[in-house]
PDB file of N, CA and C in Angstrom:
ATOM      1  N   MET A   1     -75.087  32.807  90.575  1.00  0.00           N
ATOM      2  CA  MET A   1     -76.383  33.542  90.342  1.00  0.00           C
ATOM      3  C   MET A   1     -76.699  34.294  88.984  1.00  0.00           C
ATOM      4  N   SER A   2     -77.469  34.045  88.565  1.00  0.00           N
ATOM      5  CA  SER A   2     -77.950  34.706  87.174  1.00  0.00           C
ATOM      6  C   SER A   2     -79.033  36.001  87.276  1.00  0.00           C
ATOM      7  N   PHE A   3     -78.608  37.145  87.380  1.00  0.00           N
ATOM      8  CA  PHE A   3     -79.636  37.770  87.532  1.00  0.00           C
ATOM      9  C   PHE A   3     -79.980  38.706  86.313  1.00  0.00           C
ATOM     10  N   VAL A   4     -81.081  38.529  85.784  1.00  0.00           N
ATOM     11  CA  VAL A   4     -81.436  39.269  84.544  1.00  0.00           C
ATOM     12  C   VAL A   4     -82.581  40.501  85.035  1.00  0.00           C
ATOM     13  N   LYS A   5     -82.318  41.608  84.079  1.00  0.00           N
ATOM     14  CA  LYS A   5     -83.296  42.758  84.271  1.00  0.00           C
ATOM     15  C   LYS A   5     -84.488  42.865  83.617  1.00  0.00           C
ATOM     16  N   LEU A   6     -85.785  42.932  84.498  1.00  0.00           N
ATOM     17  CA  LEU A   6     -87.282  43.029  83.783  1.00  0.00           C
ATOM     18  C   LEU A   6     -87.783  44.172  83.520  1.00  0.00           C
ATOM     19  N   ALA A   7     -87.432  45.231  84.134  1.00  0.00           N
ATOM     20  CA  ALA A   7     -88.034  46.140  84.375  1.00  0.00           C
ATOM     21  C   ALA A   7     -87.280  47.326  85.197  1.00  0.00           C
ATOM     22  N   SER A   8     -88.170  48.553  84.918  1.00  0.00           N
ATOM     23  CA  SER A   8     -87.317  49.593  85.865  1.00  0.00           C
ATOM     24  C   SER A   8     -88.619  49.682  87.483  1.00  0.00           C
ATOM     25  N   VAL A   9     -88.145  50.012  88.443  1.00  0.00           N
ATOM     26  CA  VAL A   9     -88.944  50.118  89.452  1.00  0.00           C
ATOM     27  C   VAL A   9     -90.452  50.941  89.515  1.00  0.00           C
ATOM     28  N   ASP A  10     -89.892  51.848  88.569  1.00  0.00           N
ATOM     29  CA  ASP A  10     -91.444  52.856  88.237  1.00  0.00           C
ATOM     30  C   ASP A  10     -91.915  52.332  87.441  1.00  0.00           C
ATOM     31  N   ASP A  11     -92.250  51.102  86.615  1.00  0.00           N
ATOM     32  CA  ASP A  11     -93.028  50.247  85.723  1.00  0.00           C
ATOM     33  C   ASP A  11     -93.939  49.624  86.860  1.00  0.00           C
ATOM     34  N   VAL A  12     -93.586  49.175  87.918  1.00  0.00           N
ATOM     35  CA  VAL A  12     -94.746  48.466  88.632  1.00  0.00           C
ATOM     36  C   VAL A  12     -95.522  49.379  89.693  1.00  0.00           C
ATOM     37  N   PRO A  13     -96.719  49.190  89.792  1.00  0.00           N
ATOM     38  CA  PRO A  13     -97.561  50.532  90.465  1.00  0.00           C
ATOM     39  C   PRO A  13     -97.616  49.937  91.857  1.00  0.00           C
ATOM     40  N   GLU A  14     -97.510  50.747  92.670  1.00  0.00           N
ATOM     41  CA  GLU A  14     -97.707  50.743  94.251  1.00  0.00           C
ATOM     42  C   GLU A  14     -99.365  49.296  94.589  1.00  0.00           C
ATOM     43  N   GLY A  15     -98.905  48.575  95.157  1.00  0.00           N
ATOM     44  CA  GLY A  15    -100.584  47.617  95.245  1.00  0.00           C
ATOM     45  C   GLY A  15    -100.873  47.207  94.371  1.00  0.00           C
ATOM     46  N   ASN A  16    -100.099  46.835  93.208  1.00  0.00           N
ATOM     47  CA  ASN A  16    -100.783  46.224  91.692  1.00  0.00           C
ATOM     48  C   ASN A  16     -99.655  45.733  91.368  1.00  0.00           C
ATOM     49  N   MET A  17     -99.806  44.951  89.968  1.00  0.00           N
ATOM     50  CA  MET A  17     -98.841  43.820  89.469  1.00  0.00           C
ATOM     51  C   MET A  17     -98.572  43.897  88.376  1.00  0.00           C
ATOM     52  N   ILE A  18     -97.303  43.576  87.505  1.00  0.00           N
ATOM     53  CA  ILE A  18     -97.280  44.013  85.917  1.00  0.00           C
ATOM     54  C   ILE A  18     -96.827  42.294  85.529  1.00  0.00           C
ATOM     55  N   SER A  19     -97.079  42.198  84.010  1.00  0.00           N
ATOM     56  CA  SER A  19     -96.820  40.925  83.782  1.00  0.00           C
ATOM     57  C   SER A  19     -95.480  40.913  82.575  1.00  0.00           C
ATOM     58  N   ILE A  20     -94.844  40.149  82.950  1.00  0.00           N
ATOM     59  CA  ILE A  20     -93.334  40.535  81.879  1.00  0.00           C
ATOM     60  C   ILE A  20     -93.313  38.807  81.309  1.00  0.00           C
ATOM     61  N   ARG A  21     -92.659  38.726  80.179  1.00  0.00           N
ATOM     62  CA  ARG A  21     -92.286  37.563  79.656  1.00  0.00           C
ATOM     63  C   ARG A  21     -91.071  37.262  79.246  1.00  0.00           C
ATOM     64  N   SER A  22     -90.552  36.515  80.242  1.00  0.00           N
ATOM     65  CA  SER A  22     -88.954  36.462  79.556  1.00  0.00           C
ATOM     66  C   SER A  22     -88.855  35.041  78.962  1.00  0.00           C
ATOM     67  N   LYS A  23     -87.639  35.111  78.993  1.00  0.00           N
ATOM     68  CA  LYS A  23     -87.029  33.864  77.989  1.00  0.00           C
ATOM     69  C   LYS A  23     -87.784  32.374  78.429  1.00  0.00           C
ATOM     70  N   GLN A  24     -87.874  32.306  80.037  1.00  0.00           N
ATOM     71  CA  GLN A  24     -87.916  30.985  80.632  1.00  0.00           C
ATOM     72  C   GLN A  24     -89.308  31.252  80.812  1.00  0.00           C
ATOM     73  N   ASP A  25     -90.311  31.966  81.437  1.00  0.00           N
ATOM     74  CA  ASP A  25     -91.448  31.838  81.746  1.00  0.00           C
ATOM     75  C   ASP A  25     -92.212  33.209  81.910  1.00  0.00           C
ATOM     76  N   LYS A  26     -93.439  33.459  82.509  1.00  0.00           N
ATOM     77  CA  LYS A  26     -94.183  34.787  82.321  1.00  0.00           C
ATOM     78  C   LYS A  26     -94.038  34.691  84.239  1.00  0.00           C
ATOM     79  N   ILE A  27     -93.655  36.242  84.238  1.00  0.00           N
ATOM     80  CA  ILE A  27     -93.271  36.307  85.383  1.00  0.00           C
ATOM     81  C   ILE A  27     -94.153  37.641  86.028  1.00  0.00           C
ATOM     82  N   ALA A  28     -94.632  37.646  87.265  1.00  0.00           N
ATOM     83  CA  ALA A  28     -95.416  38.921  87.262  1.00  0.00           C
ATOM     84  C   ALA A  28     -94.438  39.672  88.419  1.00  0.00           C
ATOM     85  N   LEU A  29     -94.437  40.743  88.532  1.00  0.00           N
ATOM     86  CA  LEU A  29     -93.742  41.942  89.358  1.00  0.00           C
ATOM     87  C   LEU A  29     -94.698  42.396  90.116  1.00  0.00           C
ATOM     88  N   ALA A  30     -95.010  42.403  91.127  1.00  0.00           N
ATOM     89  CA  ALA A  30     -96.000  43.288  92.266  1.00  0.00           C
ATOM     90  C   ALA A  30     -95.417  44.421  93.231  1.00  0.00           C
ATOM     91  N   LYS A  31     -95.577  45.118  93.434  1.00  0.00           N
ATOM     92  CA  LYS A  31     -95.192  46.509  94.550  1.00  0.00           C
ATOM     93  C   LYS A  31     -95.791  45.956  95.618  1.00  0.00           C
ATOM     94  N   ILE A  32     -95.237  46.063  97.201  1.00  0.00           N
ATOM     95  CA  ILE A  32     -96.300  46.053  98.181  1.00  0.00           C
ATOM     96  C   ILE A  32     -95.201  46.979  98.869  1.00  0.00           C
ATOM     97  N   ASN A  33     -95.968  47.871  99.415  1.00  0.00           N
ATOM     98  CA  ASN A  33     -95.283  48.830 100.396  1.00  0.00           C
ATOM     99  C   ASN A  33     -93.891  49.417 100.069  1.00  0.00           C
ATOM    100  N   GLY A  34     -93.745  49.710  98.827  1.00  0.00           N
ATOM    101  CA  GLY A  34     -92.483  49.957  98.024  1.00  0.00           C
ATOM    102  C   GLY A  34     -91.635  48.910  97.893  1.00  0.00           C
ATOM    103  N   GLU A  35     -91.927  47.609  98.598  1.00  0.00           N
ATOM    104  CA  GLU A  35     -91.185  46.347  97.822  1.00  0.00           C
ATOM    105  C   GLU A  35     -91.309  45.641  96.841  1.00  0.00           C
ATOM    106  N   ILE A  36     -90.504  44.942  95.869  1.00  0.00           N
ATOM    107  CA  ILE A  36     -91.102  44.515  94.704  1.00  0.00           C
ATOM    108  C   ILE A  36     -90.642  42.787  94.740  1.00  0.00           C
ATOM    109  N   PHE A  37     -92.094  42.097  94.619  1.00  0.00           N
ATOM    110  CA  PHE A  37     -91.808  40.523  94.227  1.00  0.00           C
ATOM    111  C   PHE A  37     -91.537  40.217  92.820  1.00  0.00           C
ATOM    112  N   ALA A  38     -91.234  38.953  92.832  1.00  0.00           N
ATOM    113  CA  ALA A  38     -91.419  38.543  91.804  1.00  0.00           C
ATOM    114  C   ALA A  38     -92.158  36.945  92.020  1.00  0.00           C
ATOM    115  N   PHE A  39     -92.703  36.335  90.764  1.00  0.00           N
ATOM    116  CA  PHE A  39     -93.571  35.220  90.858  1.00  0.00           C
ATOM    117  C   PHE A  39     -94.157  34.854  89.269  1.00  0.00           C
ATOM    118  N   GLU A  40     -94.007  33.174  89.410  1.00  0.00           N
ATOM    119  CA  GLU A  40     -94.616  33.071  88.271  1.00  0.00           C
ATOM    120  C   GLU A  40     -96.151  33.398  87.971  1.00  0.00           C
ATOM    121  N   ASP A  41     -96.154  33.846  87.139  1.00  0.00           N
ATOM    122  CA  ASP A  41     -97.589  34.311  86.565  1.00  0.00           C
ATOM    123  C   ASP A  41     -98.409  33.390  85.993  1.00  0.00           C
ATOM    124  N   VAL A  42     -98.600  32.634  86.270  1.00  0.00           N
ATOM    125  CA  VAL A  42     -99.679  31.397  86.446  1.00  0.00           C
ATOM    126  C   VAL A  42    -100.150  30.454  87.416  1.00  0.00           C
ATOM    127  N   CYS A  43    -101.545  30.530  87.623  1.00  0.00           N
ATOM    128  CA  CYS A  43    -102.337  29.760  88.876  1.00  0.00           C
ATOM    129  C   CYS A  43    -101.686  28.254  88.877  1.00  0.00           C
ATOM    130  N   THR A  44    -101.341  27.697  89.705  1.00  0.00           N
ATOM    131  CA  THR A  44    -101.392  26.081  89.752  1.00  0.00           C
ATOM    132  C   THR A  44    -102.537  25.338  89.304  1.00  0.00           C
ATOM    133  N   HIS A  45    -103.561  25.983  89.646  1.00  0.00           N
ATOM    134  CA  HIS A  45    -104.576  25.197  89.950  1.00  0.00           C
ATOM    135  C   HIS A  45    -105.435  25.299  88.321  1.00  0.00           C
ATOM    136  N   ASP A  46    -105.092  26.345  87.394  1.00  0.00           N
ATOM    137  CA  ASP A  46    -105.792  25.886  86.466  1.00  0.00           C
ATOM    138  C   ASP A  46    -104.871  26.683  85.172  1.00  0.00           C
ATOM    139  N   ASP A  47    -103.686  27.225  85.406  1.00  0.00           N
ATOM    140  CA  ASP A  47    -103.294  27.318  84.514  1.00  0.00           C
ATOM    141  C   ASP A  47    -103.398  29.098  83.758  1.00  0.00           C
ATOM    142  N   GLY A  48    -104.456  29.551  84.824  1.00  0.00           N
ATOM    143  CA  GLY A  48    -104.523  30.895  84.220  1.00  0.00           C
ATOM    144  C   GLY A  48    -103.336  31.828  84.549  1.00  0.00           C
ATOM    145  N   PRO A  49    -103.578  33.204  84.214  1.00  0.00           N
ATOM    146  CA  PRO A  49    -102.753  34.421  84.575  1.00  0.00           C
ATOM    147  C   PRO A  49    -103.131  34.849  85.784  1.00  0.00           C
ATOM    148  N   LEU A  50    -101.898  35.098  86.911  1.00  0.00           N
ATOM    149  CA  LEU A  50    -102.491  35.707  88.551  1.00  0.00           C
ATOM    150  C   LEU A  50    -102.126  37.295  88.215  1.00  0.00           C
ATOM    151  N   SER A  51    -101.403  37.981  87.303  1.00  0.00           N
ATOM    152  CA  SER A  51    -101.436  39.115  87.105  1.00  0.00           C
ATOM    153  C   SER A  51    -102.818  39.909  86.640  1.00  0.00           C
ATOM    154  N   GLY A  52    -103.985  39.602  86.230  1.00  0.00           N
ATOM    155  CA  GLY A  52    -104.941  40.047  86.136  1.00  0.00           C
ATOM    156  C   GLY A  52    -105.982  40.119  86.931  1.00  0.00           C
ATOM    157  N   GLY A  53    -105.217  39.424  88.402  1.00  0.00           N
ATOM    158  CA  GLY A  53    -105.878  39.335  89.704  1.00  0.00           C
ATOM    159  C   GLY A  53    -105.210  40.664  90.405  1.00  0.00           C
ATOM    160  N   SER A  54    -105.412  40.362  91.928  1.00  0.00           N
ATOM    161  CA  SER A  54    -105.067  41.899  92.815  1.00  0.00           C
ATOM    162  C   SER A  54    -104.132  41.084  93.457  1.00  0.00           C
ATOM    163  N   ILE A  55    -104.226  41.897  94.298  1.00  0.00           N
ATOM    164  CA  ILE A  55    -102.915  41.681  95.871  1.00  0.00           C
ATOM    165  C   ILE A  55    -103.809  42.623  97.085  1.00  0.00           C
ATOM    166  N   ASN A  56    -103.746  41.196  97.839  1.00  0.00           N
ATOM    167  CA  ASN A  56    -104.239  41.437  99.340  1.00  0.00           C
ATOM    168  C   ASN A  56    -103.867  40.957 100.557  1.00  0.00           C
ATOM    169  N   ASN A  57    -103.610  41.394 101.293  1.00  0.00           N
ATOM    170  CA  ASN A  57    -102.734  41.031 102.489  1.00  0.00           C
ATOM    171  C   ASN A  57    -101.591  40.594 102.297  1.00  0.00           C
ATOM    172  N   GLY A  58    -100.711  40.709 101.162  1.00  0.00           N
ATOM    173  CA  GLY A  58     -99.285  40.162 100.926  1.00  0.00           C
ATOM    174  C   GLY A  58    -100.009  38.922 100.244  1.00  0.00           C
ATOM    175  N   CYS A  59    -101.056  38.938  99.768  1.00  0.00           N
ATOM    176  CA  CYS A  59    -101.198  37.726  98.895  1.00  0.00           C
ATOM    177  C   CYS A  59    -101.721  37.929  97.268  1.00  0.00           C
ATOM    178  N   VAL A  60    -101.295  37.204  96.234  1.00  0.00           N
ATOM    179  CA  VAL A  60    -101.501  37.588  94.918  1.00  0.00           C
ATOM    180  C   VAL A  60    -103.234  36.093  94.944  1.00  0.00           C
ATOM    181  N   VAL A  61    -104.559  37.198  94.600  1.00  0.00           N
ATOM    182  CA  VAL A  61    -105.442  36.467  94.418  1.00  0.00           C
ATOM    183  C   VAL A  61    -105.983  36.484  92.635  1.00  0.00           C
ATOM    184  N   CYS A  62    -105.965  34.976  92.479  1.00  0.00           N
ATOM    185  CA  CYS A  62    -106.218  34.548  91.278  1.00  0.00           C
ATOM    186  C   CYS A  62    -107.873  35.107  90.654  1.00  0.00           C
ATOM    187  N   PRO A  63    -108.170  35.453  89.511  1.00  0.00           N
ATOM    188  CA  PRO A  63    -108.751  36.168  89.050  1.00  0.00           C
ATOM    189  C   PRO A  63    -109.982  35.430  88.579  1.00  0.00           C
ATOM    190  N   ARG A  64    -109.430  34.019  88.329  1.00  0.00           N
ATOM    191  CA  ARG A  64    -110.624  33.236  87.647  1.00  0.00           C
ATOM    192  C   ARG A  64    -111.548  32.341  88.914  1.00  0.00           C
ATOM    193  N   HIS A  65    -110.574  31.637  90.098  1.00  0.00           N
ATOM    194  CA  HIS A  65    -111.321  30.869  91.084  1.00  0.00           C
ATOM    195  C   HIS A  65    -111.013  31.400  92.419  1.00  0.00           C
ATOM    196  N   GLY A  66    -109.975  32.785  92.651  1.00  0.00           N
ATOM    197  CA  GLY A  66    -110.021  33.490  93.673  1.00  0.00           C
ATOM    198  C   GLY A  66    -109.226  32.317  95.060  1.00  0.00           C
ATOM    199  N   ALA A  67    -107.975  31.439  94.237  1.00  0.00           N
ATOM    200  CA  ALA A  67    -106.690  30.940  94.933  1.00  0.00           C
ATOM    201  C   ALA A  67    -106.283  32.122  94.944  1.00  0.00           C
ATOM    202  N   ARG A  68    -105.573  31.962  96.216  1.00  0.00           N
ATOM    203  CA  ARG A  68    -104.330  32.929  97.035  1.00  0.00           C
ATOM    204  C   ARG A  68    -103.496  31.917  97.132  1.00  0.00           C
ATOM    205  N   PHE A  69    -101.835  33.113  96.661  1.00  0.00           N
ATOM    206  CA  PHE A  69    -100.806  32.814  97.215  1.00  0.00           C
ATOM    207  C   PHE A  69     -99.806  33.625  97.810  1.00  0.00           C
ATOM    208  N   GLU A  70     -98.808  33.546  98.910  1.00  0.00           N
ATOM    209  CA  GLU A  70     -98.092  34.354  99.157  1.00  0.00           C
ATOM    210  C   GLU A  70     -97.044  34.893  98.313  1.00  0.00           C
ATOM    211  N   VAL A  71     -97.220  36.283  98.450  1.00  0.00           N
ATOM    212  CA  VAL A  71     -95.924  36.718  97.276  1.00  0.00           C
ATOM    213  C   VAL A  71     -94.796  36.439  97.754  1.00  0.00           C
ATOM    214  N   LYS A  72     -94.426  36.568  98.870  1.00  0.00           N
ATOM    215  CA  LYS A  72     -92.675  36.604  99.049  1.00  0.00           C
ATOM    216  C   LYS A  72     -92.637  34.910  99.386  1.00  0.00           C
ATOM    217  N   THR A  73     -93.491  33.917  99.309  1.00  0.00           N
ATOM    218  CA  THR A  73     -92.961  32.698  99.505  1.00  0.00           C
ATOM    219  C   THR A  73     -93.340  31.724  98.188  1.00  0.00           C
ATOM    220  N   GLY A  74     -94.732  31.992  97.941  1.00  0.00           N
ATOM    221  CA  GLY A  74     -95.144  31.242  97.190  1.00  0.00           C
ATOM    222  C   GLY A  74     -96.116  30.134  97.360  1.00  0.00           C
ATOM    223  N   GLU A  75     -96.269  30.412  98.595  1.00  0.00           N
ATOM    224  CA  GLU A  75     -97.263  29.262  99.545  1.00  0.00           C
ATOM    225  C   GLU A  75     -98.770  29.618  98.953  1.00  0.00           C
ATOM    226  N   VAL A  76     -99.679  28.631  99.142  1.00  0.00           N
ATOM    227  CA  VAL A  76    -100.905  28.373  99.208  1.00  0.00           C
ATOM    228  C   VAL A  76    -101.643  28.987  99.899  1.00  0.00           C
ATOM    229  N   ARG A  77    -102.701  29.977  99.925  1.00  0.00           N
ATOM    230  CA  ARG A  77    -103.386  30.629 101.579  1.00  0.00           C
ATOM    231  C   ARG A  77    -104.558  30.298 101.221  1.00  0.00           C
ATOM    232  N   GLN A  78    -105.269  29.950  99.822  1.00  0.00           N
ATOM    233  CA  GLN A  78    -106.571  29.634  99.833  1.00  0.00           C
ATOM    234  C   GLN A  78    -106.733  28.900  98.482  1.00  0.00           C
ATOM    235  N   LEU A  79    -107.817  27.694  99.120  1.00  0.00           N
ATOM    236  CA  LEU A  79    -107.834  27.137  97.892  1.00  0.00           C
ATOM    237  C   LEU A  79    -108.786  27.819  96.886  1.00  0.00           C
ATOM    238  N   PRO A  80    -108.925  27.127  95.471  1.00  0.00           N
ATOM    239  CA  PRO A  80    -109.031  25.665  95.117  1.00  0.00           C
ATOM    240  C   PRO A  80    -107.588  25.431  94.759  1.00  0.00           C
ATOM    241  N   ALA A  81    -106.391  26.253  94.664  1.00  0.00           N
ATOM    242  CA  ALA A  81    -105.127  25.654  94.496  1.00  0.00           C
ATOM    243  C   ALA A  81    -104.371  24.716  95.158  1.00  0.00           C
ATOM    244  N   THR A  82    -103.736  23.572  95.269  1.00  0.00           N
ATOM    245  CA  THR A  82    -103.502  23.100  96.561  1.00  0.00           C
ATOM    246  C   THR A  82    -101.555  23.037  96.128  1.00  0.00           C
ATOM    247  N   GLU A  83    -101.279  23.503  95.405  1.00  0.00           N
ATOM    248  CA  GLU A  83     -99.660  23.556  94.994  1.00  0.00           C
ATOM    249  C   GLU A  83     -99.500  25.090  95.065  1.00  0.00           C
ATOM    250  N   GLY A  84     -98.050  25.257  95.340  1.00  0.00           N
ATOM    251  CA  GLY A  84     -97.555  26.825  95.314  1.00  0.00           C
ATOM    252  C   GLY A  84     -97.007  27.166  94.041  1.00  0.00           C
ATOM    253  N   ILE A  85     -96.940  28.565  94.224  1.00  0.00           N
ATOM    254  CA  ILE A  85     -96.059  29.253  92.962  1.00  0.00           C
ATOM    255  C   ILE A  85     -94.578  29.510  92.837  1.00  0.00           C
ATOM    256  N   GLU A  86     -93.667  29.634  91.707  1.00  0.00           N
ATOM    257  CA  GLU A  86     -92.331  30.016  91.962  1.00  0.00           C
ATOM    258  C   GLU A  86     -92.102  30.997  92.330  1.00  0.00           C
ATOM    259  N   THR A  87     -91.482  31.771  93.391  1.00  0.00           N
ATOM    260  CA  THR A  87     -90.658  32.748  93.695  1.00  0.00           C
ATOM    261  C   THR A  87     -89.591  33.042  92.956  1.00  0.00           C
ATOM    262  N   TYR A  88     -89.218  34.334  92.654  1.00  0.00           N
ATOM    263  CA  TYR A  88     -87.799  34.807  92.390  1.00  0.00           C
ATOM    264  C   TYR A  88     -87.090  35.836  93.326  1.00  0.00           C
ATOM    265  N   GLU A  89     -85.699  35.334  93.396  1.00  0.00           N
ATOM    266  CA  GLU A  89     -85.295  36.526  94.210  1.00  0.00           C
ATOM    267  C   GLU A  89     -84.929  37.853  93.371  1.00  0.00           C
ATOM    268  N   VAL A  90     -85.226  38.813  94.067  1.00  0.00           N
ATOM    269  CA  VAL A  90     -85.362  40.168  93.670  1.00  0.00           C
ATOM    270  C   VAL A  90     -84.104  41.309  93.909  1.00  0.00           C
ATOM    271  N   LYS A  91     -83.417  42.132  93.143  1.00  0.00           N
ATOM    272  CA  LYS A  91     -82.435  42.598  93.302  1.00  0.00           C
ATOM    273  C   LYS A  91     -82.765  44.089  92.536  1.00  0.00           C
ATOM    274  N   ILE A  92     -82.678  45.020  93.215  1.00  0.00           N
ATOM    275  CA  ILE A  92     -82.961  46.608  92.697  1.00  0.00           C
ATOM    276  C   ILE A  92     -81.507  47.263  92.664  1.00  0.00           C
ATOM    277  N   GLU A  93     -81.358  47.803  91.596  1.00  0.00           N
ATOM    278  CA  GLU A  93     -80.018  48.457  90.858  1.00  0.00           C
ATOM    279  C   GLU A  93     -80.089  49.682  90.273  1.00  0.00           C
ATOM    280  N   ASN A  94     -79.664  50.661  90.417  1.00  0.00           N
ATOM    281  CA  ASN A  94     -80.133  51.790  89.986  1.00  0.00           C
ATOM    282  C   ASN A  94     -81.578  52.137  89.534  1.00  0.00           C
ATOM    283  N   GLY A  95     -82.328  51.776  90.216  1.00  0.00           N
ATOM    284  CA  GLY A  95     -83.809  51.614  90.051  1.00  0.00           C
ATOM    285  C   GLY A  95     -84.064  50.736  88.806  1.00  0.00           C
ATOM    286  N   ASP A  96     -83.628  49.838  88.939  1.00  0.00           N
ATOM    287  CA  ASP A  96     -84.152  48.524  87.449  1.00  0.00           C
ATOM    288  C   ASP A  96     -84.373  47.578  88.236  1.00  0.00           C
ATOM    289  N   VAL A  97     -85.173  46.525  88.432  1.00  0.00           N
ATOM    290  CA  VAL A  97     -85.561  45.472  88.980  1.00  0.00           C
ATOM    291  C   VAL A  97     -84.945  43.901  88.292  1.00  0.00           C
ATOM    292  N   PHE A  98     -84.289  43.272  88.996  1.00  0.00           N
ATOM    293  CA  PHE A  98     -83.591  41.966  88.175  1.00  0.00           C
ATOM    294  C   PHE A  98     -83.968  40.993  88.954  1.00  0.00           C
ATOM    295  N   ILE A  99     -84.140  39.797  88.435  1.00  0.00           N
ATOM    296  CA  ILE A  99     -84.732  38.490  89.456  1.00  0.00           C
ATOM    297  C   ILE A  99     -83.459  37.791  89.076  1.00  0.00           C
ATOM    298  N   ASN A 100     -83.505  36.663  90.084  1.00  0.00           N
ATOM    299  CA  ASN A 100     -82.361  35.338  89.725  1.00  0.00           C
ATOM    300  C   ASN A 100     -83.144  34.268  89.363  1.00  0.00           C
ATOM    301  N   ILE A 101     -82.594  34.144  88.104  1.00  0.00           N
ATOM    302  CA  ILE A 101     -83.380  33.042  87.501  1.00  0.00           C
ATOM    303  C   ILE A 101     -82.687  31.478  87.600  1.00  0.00           C
ATOM    304  N   ASP A 102     -81.718  31.258  88.474  1.00  0.00           N
ATOM    305  CA  ASP A 102     -81.113  30.194  88.641  1.00  0.00           C
ATOM    306  C   ASP A 102     -82.329  29.409  89.370  1.00  0.00           C
TER     307      ASP A 102
END
């Protein structure tokens, strides 16, 4: 497994998201009840950024058309999206957030 550091835990506000551009993709980090989740920061419906949206009941809500994706699994929870988003394994070490890029 190849883990890369993206941010510190303190960089991610509770109940919200930040967007990070990695070498591979744009990735969003969300903090829900103190747990950090990582997922691709692109809506599969229209390629817009998800990080401009909101977090609601464990889902990221796209700001453009309201598609919802579960942050843990990337599964679609509300149309108009029909394809899920990629999620990444997260590891926290010494207050830093790492994701598995494999």
